[in-house]
Amino acid sequence: MEENEKKENQVKNEKKSFLNGLFTGVIAAVLVMTVAFCIKQVVVIYGNYSSVQAAQKGNFGGEEETETSVVNDDVLEKMEAIEQVVDRYFYKEDVDRAAMEEGIYDGMMSSLGDPYSTYYSEEELKDIMDQTEGIYYGIGAYISLDTTTGLGQISGVIAGTPAEAANLREGDLIYKVDDVVAEDMELTEIVSMIKGEEGTTVHLTLIREGENDYLEVDIERKKVESPTVNYEVYDNGMGYIQITEFDEITIDQFTEALAVCKGSDIKGLILDLRSNPGGNLSAVVEIARQLLPEGLIVYTEDRDGNRTEYTCDGKNQIDIPMVVLINGNSASASEILAGAIKDYEIGTLVGTTSYGKGIVQRIISLEDGSAVKLTVSSYFTPNGNNIHGIGIEPDVVCEFDSESYYEKDIDNQLEEAKRVLEELIKE
């Protein structure tokens, strides 16, 4: 989602440029310095972008320097030397010292070569926290990272938002934001550039499959209240529940939707997880406990082999046929749920292969209000499958027909799910 102001974006870009040009080589390994930025307990998160349930404070600065630490006298002296070179020769006199400092921290995280590990300033962390409440200021589009192109990608559009009014489509690649090329940027940086104050405008340059030229769109930012669950009861006795992401608010929204569907005596359920980028671990676990039989929901393993299990007591196992819709933008937490449903054979998966994100990030807060997000472990489905880089294969393959959807308002994947569910109900 869109994670403030054009001025801040400019600072960010200057910071990134400075970092790439001067500091990356020096600070490349400095992430190992997490020893100096000590850690307490934090929250495990999932998703193509971040959703935080909570982040507790840690202490930083009081640890003794170790022999293996890259934060040593030589590194500090070299950093000072580079700073002096900048002061002496850089063509601009007004170097932003705060941006330079932030660039060091960004570089430490970039050195890992992991697109999911990143540094959050205090302001960025607050934005992440606000997102879990389902309210933010932006354009109303879900954004993921397309690893093939290194560009941001529209992975979903919220109904009734500026993004929908501007005709943004799932799959659109974000080439520029306000004429700044967004290639190989961190996802959080792209999101931060798109977000902004209500009433301001952001200009996007998009690449759309089938178009011969870039698409240029101006979108006014507004307050967006993001419903994470939508539901409907069809006349033929089928219930439909769509989960767009897993936030704190999603649990109650899903519980209400499922109760309405059950109260309508549905004979089967369609669970739509298409383009769901993930979100909060506790949210997907609580939702899974309303559907799964007794047993494992998911388990994680860290680099030392330590295993953490999340289980279900089976008291609320669904007792009607279920079809689950997935696609290439169904990632992380949505893959946890879809993977468990598939392993327990309590639902039929329809659509296309999911994204394939089987790793876990943890938000670690620092004393000054900033934080780092680190990949800390891998997760596995109940049958022991790690789907990272592989994804989950659907039981029934059904490619999305964009022409039918955008020109005829026909969702061919949903229609296929209805057909499959109808057959399951008759059995």
Protein backbone atom coordinates (compact mmCIF):
# COMPACT_ATOMS: atom_id res chain seq x y z
CA MET A 1 0.00 0.00 0.00
CA GLU A 2 1.03 3.63 -0.21
CA GLU A 3 3.33 4.41 2.54
CA ASN A 4 5.51 12.27 3.12
CA GLU A 5 5.32 15.10 0.89
CA LYS A 6 7.19 15.98 -2.23
CA LYS A 7 9.88 17.65 -0.16
CA GLU A 8 10.45 14.51 1.86
CA ASN A 9 10.51 12.45 -1.31
CA GLN A 10 13.21 14.74 -2.69
CA VAL A 11 15.21 14.31 0.47
CA LYS A 12 14.80 10.57 0.20
CA ASN A 13 16.03 10.56 -3.38
CA GLU A 14 19.04 12.75 -2.52
CA LYS A 15 19.74 10.46 0.36
CA LYS A 16 19.62 7.41 -1.87
CA SER A 17 21.82 9.00 -4.50
CA PHE A 18 24.40 10.01 -1.94
CA LEU A 19 24.32 6.58 -0.43
CA ASN A 20 24.75 4.77 -3.73
CA GLY A 21 27.52 7.07 -4.86
CA LEU A 22 29.63 7.29 -1.75
CA PHE A 23 28.55 5.26 1.22
CA THR A 24 27.38 1.91 -0.12
CA GLY A 25 30.86 0.55 -0.55
CA VAL A 26 31.91 1.69 2.89
CA ILE A 27 28.82 0.83 4.83
CA ALA A 28 27.92 -2.23 2.80
CA ALA A 29 28.56 -4.64 5.61
CA VAL A 30 27.55 -2.45 8.49
CA LEU A 31 24.27 -4.24 9.08
CA VAL A 32 26.14 -6.68 11.23
CA MET A 33 26.03 -3.80 13.66
CA THR A 34 22.70 -5.02 15.01
CA VAL A 35 24.81 -6.04 17.98
CA ALA A 36 25.20 -2.37 18.76
CA PHE A 37 21.55 -1.67 18.21
CA CYS A 38 20.26 -4.25 20.66
CA ILE A 39 16.96 -6.04 20.37
CA LYS A 40 13.98 -6.94 22.46
CA GLN A 41 10.91 -8.92 21.44
CA VAL A 42 9.13 -7.79 18.29
CA VAL A 43 6.37 -8.88 15.99
CA VAL A 44 6.59 -11.32 13.13
CA ILE A 45 5.09 -9.95 9.93
CA TYR A 46 4.38 -11.23 6.47
CA GLY A 47 3.64 -9.68 3.10
CA ASN A 48 5.00 -7.93 0.04
CA TYR A 49 4.81 -4.79 2.10
CA SER A 50 4.84 -4.33 5.85
CA SER A 51 2.03 -4.54 8.35
CA VAL A 52 2.95 -4.23 12.01
CA GLN A 53 0.93 -5.49 14.94
CA ALA A 54 3.23 -4.00 17.57
CA ALA A 55 6.86 -3.06 18.02
CA GLN A 56 8.54 -2.85 21.36
CA LYS A 57 11.42 -0.59 22.19
CA GLY A 58 15.00 -1.76 22.24
CA ASN A 59 18.14 -0.06 23.56
CA PHE A 60 20.92 1.01 21.36
CA GLY A 61 24.34 2.26 21.97
CA GLY A 62 25.77 0.62 25.07
CA GLU A 63 27.19 -2.60 23.66
CA GLU A 64 30.93 -3.04 23.53
CA GLU A 65 32.48 -3.26 20.09
CA THR A 66 33.36 -6.84 19.10
CA GLU A 67 36.27 -8.06 17.01
CA THR A 68 33.90 -9.06 14.18
CA SER A 69 31.97 -5.80 14.16
CA VAL A 70 32.39 -3.65 11.06
CA VAL A 71 31.78 -0.60 13.21
CA ASN A 72 35.41 -0.16 14.09
CA ASP A 73 37.88 2.72 14.12
CA ASP A 74 38.94 2.14 10.50
CA VAL A 75 35.36 2.33 9.21
CA LEU A 76 34.55 5.39 11.29
CA GLU A 77 37.72 7.13 10.08
CA LYS A 78 36.87 6.32 6.47
CA MET A 79 33.34 7.64 6.90
CA GLU A 80 34.76 10.86 8.31
CA ALA A 81 37.20 11.07 5.37
CA ILE A 82 34.38 10.64 2.86
CA GLU A 83 32.34 13.28 4.65
CA GLN A 84 35.30 15.68 4.41
CA VAL A 85 35.65 14.94 0.69
CA VAL A 86 31.96 15.72 0.22
CA ASP A 87 32.30 18.93 2.22
CA ARG A 88 35.30 19.97 0.14
CA TYR A 89 34.29 18.98 -3.39
CA PHE A 90 30.54 18.29 -3.68
CA TYR A 91 29.00 20.87 -6.01
CA LYS A 92 26.13 21.66 -3.63
CA GLU A 93 26.87 23.51 -0.42
CA ASP A 94 23.61 22.70 1.34
CA VAL A 95 24.15 18.99 2.02
CA ASP A 96 21.34 17.57 4.13
CA ARG A 97 23.11 16.02 7.12
CA ALA A 98 19.98 14.28 8.35
CA ALA A 99 19.48 12.67 4.94
CA MET A 100 23.14 11.62 4.92
CA GLU A 101 22.71 9.94 8.28
CA GLU A 102 19.52 8.16 7.16
CA GLY A 103 21.39 7.05 4.04
CA ILE A 104 23.95 5.25 6.19
CA TYR A 105 21.23 3.21 7.86
CA ASP A 106 19.55 2.47 4.54
CA GLY A 107 22.88 1.29 3.17
CA MET A 108 23.40 -1.06 6.08
CA MET A 109 20.15 -2.82 5.25
CA SER A 110 20.66 -2.70 1.47
CA SER A 111 23.96 -4.53 1.91
CA LEU A 112 22.04 -7.70 2.79
CA GLY A 113 20.74 -8.04 -0.74
CA ASP A 114 17.32 -8.90 0.71
CA PRO A 115 14.39 -6.89 -0.72
CA TYR A 116 12.35 -7.56 2.43
CA SER A 117 14.89 -6.23 4.96
CA THR A 118 14.83 -2.47 5.33
CA TYR A 119 15.29 0.49 7.66
CA TYR A 120 12.35 2.61 8.82
CA SER A 121 12.70 6.14 10.09
CA GLU A 122 10.43 7.14 12.94
CA GLU A 123 7.98 8.68 10.47
CA GLU A 124 8.00 5.65 8.22
CA LEU A 125 7.39 3.32 11.15
CA LYS A 126 4.42 5.42 12.23
CA ASP A 127 2.98 5.13 8.72
CA ILE A 128 3.36 1.37 8.86
CA MET A 129 1.60 1.23 12.22
CA ASP A 130 -1.23 3.43 10.93
CA GLN A 131 -1.84 1.04 8.04
CA THR A 132 -2.89 -1.73 10.40
CA GLU A 133 -5.83 0.46 11.41
CA GLY A 134 -7.07 0.40 7.83
CA ILE A 135 -6.94 4.18 7.34
CA TYR A 136 -4.31 6.17 5.48
CA TYR A 137 -3.88 9.01 2.96
CA GLY A 138 -3.05 8.02 -0.56
CA ILE A 139 -4.59 6.80 -3.80
CA GLY A 140 -6.15 3.50 -2.75
CA ALA A 141 -3.96 0.96 -4.52
CA TYR A 142 -2.12 -2.05 -3.18
CA ILE A 143 1.51 -2.05 -4.30
CA SER A 144 3.92 -4.96 -4.39
CA LEU A 145 7.44 -5.35 -5.77
CA ASP A 146 7.92 -6.93 -9.18
CA THR A 147 11.25 -8.70 -8.71
CA THR A 148 11.72 -9.26 -12.44
CA THR A 149 11.74 -5.57 -13.38
CA GLY A 150 12.67 -4.04 -10.02
CA LEU A 151 9.60 -1.81 -10.27
CA GLY A 152 6.59 -1.34 -8.05
CA GLN A 153 3.47 -3.05 -9.33
CA ILE A 154 -0.21 -2.37 -8.77
CA SER A 155 -1.42 -5.59 -7.17
CA GLY A 156 -4.95 -4.44 -6.36
CA VAL A 157 -7.25 -1.43 -6.41
CA ILE A 158 -9.69 -0.54 -3.64
CA ALA A 159 -13.21 0.21 -4.85
CA GLY A 160 -14.36 3.82 -4.65
CA THR A 161 -10.85 5.27 -4.36
CA PRO A 162 -8.84 7.70 -6.55
CA ALA A 163 -6.91 4.73 -7.97
CA GLU A 164 -10.11 3.20 -9.30
CA ALA A 165 -11.27 6.55 -10.69
CA ALA A 166 -7.92 6.88 -12.51
CA ASN A 167 -8.45 3.43 -14.04
CA LEU A 168 -5.36 1.89 -12.45
CA ARG A 169 -5.25 -1.83 -13.11
CA GLU A 170 -3.72 -4.82 -11.44
CA GLY A 171 -0.41 -5.55 -13.11
CA ASP A 172 0.43 -1.93 -13.99
CA LEU A 173 4.13 -1.30 -13.37
CA ILE A 174 5.15 1.99 -11.73
CA TYR A 175 8.02 3.37 -13.82
CA LYS A 176 8.07 6.89 -12.36
CA VAL A 177 6.56 8.73 -9.40
CA ASP A 178 6.46 12.51 -9.94
CA ASP A 179 8.98 12.05 -12.77
CA VAL A 180 11.45 10.22 -10.51
CA VAL A 181 12.42 6.82 -11.92
CA ALA A 182 11.36 4.19 -9.39
CA GLU A 183 13.50 1.33 -10.67
CA ASP A 184 15.33 -0.71 -8.01
CA MET A 185 13.93 1.38 -5.17
CA GLU A 186 12.86 -0.20 -1.91
CA LEU A 187 9.14 -0.88 -1.87
CA THR A 188 8.73 1.33 1.19
CA GLU A 189 10.34 4.21 -0.71
CA ILE A 190 7.96 3.85 -3.66
CA VAL A 191 5.00 3.70 -1.28
CA SER A 192 6.24 6.74 0.65
CA MET A 193 6.52 8.75 -2.57
CA ILE A 194 2.96 7.89 -3.58
CA LYS A 195 1.44 8.67 -0.20
CA GLY A 196 0.94 12.26 0.91
CA GLU A 197 -1.39 14.86 2.32
CA GLU A 198 -5.04 14.77 1.40
CA GLY A 199 -5.79 17.01 -1.59
CA THR A 200 -2.29 16.87 -3.07
CA THR A 201 -1.60 15.19 -6.42
CA VAL A 202 0.86 12.50 -7.42
CA HIS A 203 1.89 11.90 -11.04
CA LEU A 204 2.50 8.28 -12.04
CA THR A 205 4.15 6.99 -15.19
CA LEU A 206 2.92 3.45 -15.76
CA ILE A 207 3.82 0.53 -17.98
CA ARG A 208 0.78 -1.52 -18.96
CA GLU A 209 0.88 -4.76 -20.86
CA GLY A 210 -0.57 -4.34 -24.34
CA GLU A 211 0.10 -0.60 -24.48
CA ASN A 212 2.73 0.77 -26.87
CA ASP A 213 3.67 3.76 -24.73
CA TYR A 214 3.81 4.86 -21.11
CA LEU A 215 0.56 5.85 -19.39
CA GLU A 216 0.71 9.21 -17.61
CA VAL A 217 -1.85 9.76 -14.82
CA ASP A 218 -2.39 12.43 -12.18
CA ILE A 219 -4.15 11.18 -9.06
CA GLU A 220 -5.39 13.27 -6.16
CA ARG A 221 -4.62 11.80 -2.77
CA LYS A 222 -7.52 11.29 -0.40
CA LYS A 223 -8.28 9.67 2.91
CA VAL A 224 -8.67 5.98 2.21
CA GLU A 225 -10.52 3.66 4.51
CA SER A 226 -9.45 0.23 3.44
CA PRO A 227 -11.99 -2.53 3.99
CA THR A 228 -9.93 -5.69 4.19
CA VAL A 229 -12.93 -8.01 3.86
CA ASN A 230 -15.80 -7.93 1.37
CA TYR A 231 -18.59 -10.48 1.24
CA GLU A 232 -21.74 -11.42 -0.61
CA VAL A 233 -24.34 -14.17 -0.55
CA TYR A 234 -25.42 -15.37 -3.99
CA ASP A 235 -28.92 -16.54 -4.86
CA ASN A 236 -27.71 -20.08 -5.57
CA GLY A 237 -26.71 -20.67 -1.95
CA MET A 238 -23.05 -19.79 -2.33
CA GLY A 239 -21.22 -17.41 -0.04
CA TYR A 240 -18.35 -15.23 -1.21
CA ILE A 241 -15.70 -13.70 1.08
CA GLN A 242 -12.76 -11.65 -0.24
CA ILE A 243 -9.79 -10.85 2.01
CA THR A 244 -7.60 -8.12 0.51
CA GLU A 245 -4.94 -8.22 3.25
CA PHE A 246 -4.43 -9.40 6.81
CA ASP A 247 -4.48 -6.53 9.33
CA GLU A 248 -5.64 -6.28 12.93
CA ILE A 249 -9.06 -5.15 11.73
CA THR A 250 -9.36 -8.12 9.38
CA ILE A 251 -10.16 -10.64 12.12
CA ASP A 252 -13.42 -8.96 13.19
CA GLN A 253 -14.35 -8.18 9.59
CA PHE A 254 -13.88 -11.79 8.55
CA THR A 255 -15.74 -13.11 11.60
CA GLU A 256 -18.72 -10.91 10.72
CA ALA A 257 -18.65 -11.93 7.05
CA LEU A 258 -18.48 -15.63 7.87
CA ALA A 259 -21.31 -15.29 10.40
CA VAL A 260 -23.55 -13.58 7.81
CA CYS A 261 -22.80 -16.28 5.24
CA LYS A 262 -23.48 -19.10 7.69
CA GLY A 263 -26.62 -17.35 8.90
CA SER A 264 -27.85 -17.38 5.31
CA ASP A 265 -27.54 -21.17 5.22
CA ILE A 266 -25.00 -21.20 2.42
CA LYS A 267 -24.17 -24.57 0.90
CA GLY A 268 -20.63 -23.64 -0.14
CA LEU A 269 -18.06 -20.86 0.26
CA ILE A 270 -15.74 -19.06 -2.15
CA LEU A 271 -12.73 -17.52 -0.36
CA ASP A 272 -11.03 -14.96 -2.59
CA LEU A 273 -7.34 -14.39 -1.76
CA ARG A 274 -6.33 -13.04 -5.16
CA SER A 275 -3.84 -10.17 -5.01
CA ASN A 276 -3.73 -10.39 -1.22
CA PRO A 277 -0.11 -9.36 -0.46
CA GLY A 278 -0.09 -10.72 3.09
CA GLY A 279 0.04 -8.80 6.35
CA ASN A 280 -0.14 -9.76 9.98
CA LEU A 281 0.70 -13.25 11.21
CA SER A 282 -1.69 -13.18 14.17
CA ALA A 283 -4.53 -12.12 11.88
CA VAL A 284 -4.13 -14.99 9.42
CA VAL A 285 -3.72 -17.48 12.28
CA GLU A 286 -6.95 -16.32 13.94
CA ILE A 287 -8.82 -16.52 10.65
CA ALA A 288 -7.40 -19.96 9.93
CA ARG A 289 -8.73 -21.10 13.31
CA GLN A 290 -12.24 -20.39 12.04
CA LEU A 291 -11.80 -22.75 9.10
CA LEU A 292 -9.20 -25.47 9.69
CA PRO A 293 -9.34 -28.85 11.43
CA GLU A 294 -7.27 -29.62 14.51
CA GLY A 295 -3.53 -29.48 13.87
CA LEU A 296 -0.78 -27.22 12.56
CA ILE A 297 -1.61 -24.00 10.74
CA VAL A 298 1.99 -23.05 9.99
CA TYR A 299 5.40 -23.34 11.58
CA THR A 300 8.58 -21.27 11.27
CA GLU A 301 12.26 -22.14 11.53
CA ASP A 302 15.10 -19.68 12.07
CA ARG A 303 18.73 -20.06 10.96
CA ASP A 304 19.54 -22.09 14.08
CA GLY A 305 16.71 -24.54 13.46
CA ASN A 306 14.49 -23.17 16.24
CA ARG A 307 10.90 -24.01 15.42
CA THR A 308 7.73 -22.09 16.36
CA GLU A 309 4.35 -23.71 15.76
CA TYR A 310 0.93 -22.12 15.32
CA THR A 311 -1.95 -24.54 15.82
CA CYS A 312 -5.72 -24.87 15.55
CA ASP A 313 -8.03 -26.76 17.92
CA GLY A 314 -10.44 -27.65 15.10
CA LYS A 315 -13.55 -26.58 17.00
CA ASN A 316 -14.68 -24.28 14.18
CA GLN A 317 -13.72 -26.40 11.19
CA ILE A 318 -15.75 -25.48 8.12
CA ASP A 319 -18.20 -28.22 7.21
CA ILE A 320 -19.29 -27.11 3.73
CA PRO A 321 -17.45 -27.26 0.39
CA MET A 322 -14.97 -24.43 -0.16
CA VAL A 323 -13.15 -23.00 -3.16
CA VAL A 324 -10.14 -20.69 -2.71
CA LEU A 325 -9.13 -18.22 -5.43
CA ILE A 326 -5.41 -17.40 -5.73
CA ASN A 327 -3.15 -15.69 -8.27
CA GLY A 328 0.42 -14.53 -8.77
CA ASN A 329 -0.05 -11.64 -6.33
CA SER A 330 -1.36 -13.83 -3.52
CA ALA A 331 1.61 -13.74 -1.19
CA SER A 332 2.90 -14.61 2.23
CA ALA A 333 0.07 -14.63 4.79
CA SER A 334 -2.46 -15.43 2.07
CA GLU A 335 -0.22 -18.34 1.04
CA ILE A 336 -0.16 -19.55 4.64
CA LEU A 337 -3.94 -19.81 4.63
CA ALA A 338 -4.22 -21.24 1.12
CA GLY A 339 -1.39 -23.70 1.79
CA ALA A 340 -3.02 -25.01 4.98
CA ILE A 341 -6.40 -25.39 3.26
CA LYS A 342 -4.72 -27.34 0.46
CA ASP A 343 -2.70 -29.55 2.82
CA TYR A 344 -5.81 -30.48 4.82
CA GLU A 345 -7.81 -30.99 1.58
CA ILE A 346 -10.75 -28.98 2.87
CA GLY A 347 -10.92 -26.70 -0.16
CA THR A 348 -10.17 -26.60 -3.88
CA LEU A 349 -7.73 -23.95 -5.10
CA VAL A 350 -8.65 -22.19 -8.36
CA GLY A 351 -6.63 -19.63 -10.34
CA THR A 352 -2.90 -19.38 -10.99
CA THR A 353 0.27 -20.12 -9.01
CA SER A 354 0.73 -17.85 -6.00
CA TYR A 355 3.64 -15.42 -5.49
CA GLY A 356 5.93 -17.68 -3.51
CA LYS A 357 7.03 -15.82 -0.38
CA GLY A 358 7.89 -18.30 2.33
CA ILE A 359 10.05 -16.17 4.60
CA VAL A 360 9.31 -14.20 7.74
CA GLN A 361 10.21 -10.62 8.62
CA ARG A 362 10.49 -9.15 12.09
CA ILE A 363 10.20 -5.48 13.04
CA ILE A 364 12.84 -4.50 15.58
CA SER A 365 12.31 -1.10 17.15
CA LEU A 366 15.17 1.12 18.23
CA GLU A 367 15.21 3.53 21.14
CA ASP A 368 15.00 6.65 18.96
CA GLY A 369 11.68 5.54 17.42
CA SER A 370 13.15 4.14 14.21
CA ALA A 371 13.25 0.45 13.38
CA VAL A 372 14.68 -2.21 11.14
CA LYS A 373 12.76 -4.99 9.45
CA LEU A 374 14.77 -8.18 9.03
CA THR A 375 14.09 -11.50 7.41
CA VAL A 376 14.58 -13.89 10.33
CA SER A 377 13.11 -17.27 9.39
CA SER A 378 11.29 -19.43 6.87
CA TYR A 379 7.75 -20.71 7.21
CA PHE A 380 6.33 -24.09 6.29
CA THR A 381 2.81 -25.36 5.55
CA PRO A 382 1.37 -28.13 7.77
CA ASN A 383 2.84 -30.79 5.46
CA GLY A 384 6.30 -29.26 5.75
CA ASN A 385 6.38 -27.41 2.42
CA ASN A 386 8.36 -24.21 2.05
CA ILE A 387 6.95 -22.39 -0.95
CA HIS A 388 9.52 -19.58 -1.15
CA GLY A 389 10.34 -18.88 -4.78
CA ILE A 390 7.92 -21.63 -5.82
CA GLY A 391 4.40 -20.61 -4.84
CA ILE A 392 1.32 -22.75 -4.39
CA GLU A 393 -0.11 -24.50 -7.43
CA PRO A 394 -3.90 -24.31 -7.83
CA ASP A 395 -5.92 -27.51 -8.17
CA VAL A 396 -7.77 -25.96 -11.09
CA VAL A 397 -5.72 -23.66 -13.33
CA CYS A 398 -7.64 -20.68 -14.66
CA GLU A 399 -5.78 -17.73 -16.21
CA PHE A 400 -7.28 -14.28 -15.68
CA ASP A 401 -8.99 -12.81 -18.75
CA SER A 402 -8.28 -9.09 -18.39
CA GLU A 403 -10.09 -8.17 -21.61
CA SER A 404 -13.26 -9.87 -20.43
CA TYR A 405 -12.95 -8.22 -17.02
CA TYR A 406 -12.24 -4.66 -18.09
CA GLU A 407 -14.37 -4.55 -21.22
CA LYS A 408 -17.27 -6.86 -20.34
CA ASP A 409 -17.19 -6.75 -16.52
CA ILE A 410 -16.89 -10.55 -16.39
CA ASP A 411 -14.55 -12.11 -13.82
CA ASN A 412 -13.77 -15.41 -15.52
CA GLN A 413 -11.84 -16.76 -12.52
CA LEU A 414 -14.75 -16.10 -10.18
CA GLU A 415 -17.11 -17.74 -12.64
CA GLU A 416 -14.85 -20.79 -12.73
CA ALA A 417 -14.82 -20.88 -8.92
CA LYS A 418 -18.62 -20.86 -8.91
CA ARG A 419 -18.68 -23.73 -11.40
CA VAL A 420 -16.25 -25.80 -9.35
CA LEU A 421 -18.12 -25.08 -6.13
CA GLU A 422 -21.43 -26.03 -7.70
CA GLU A 423 -20.02 -29.44 -8.60
CA LEU A 424 -18.65 -29.89 -5.09
CA ILE A 425 -22.04 -29.05 -3.57
CA LYS A 426 -23.72 -31.70 -5.73
CA GLU A 427 -21.32 -34.43 -4.59
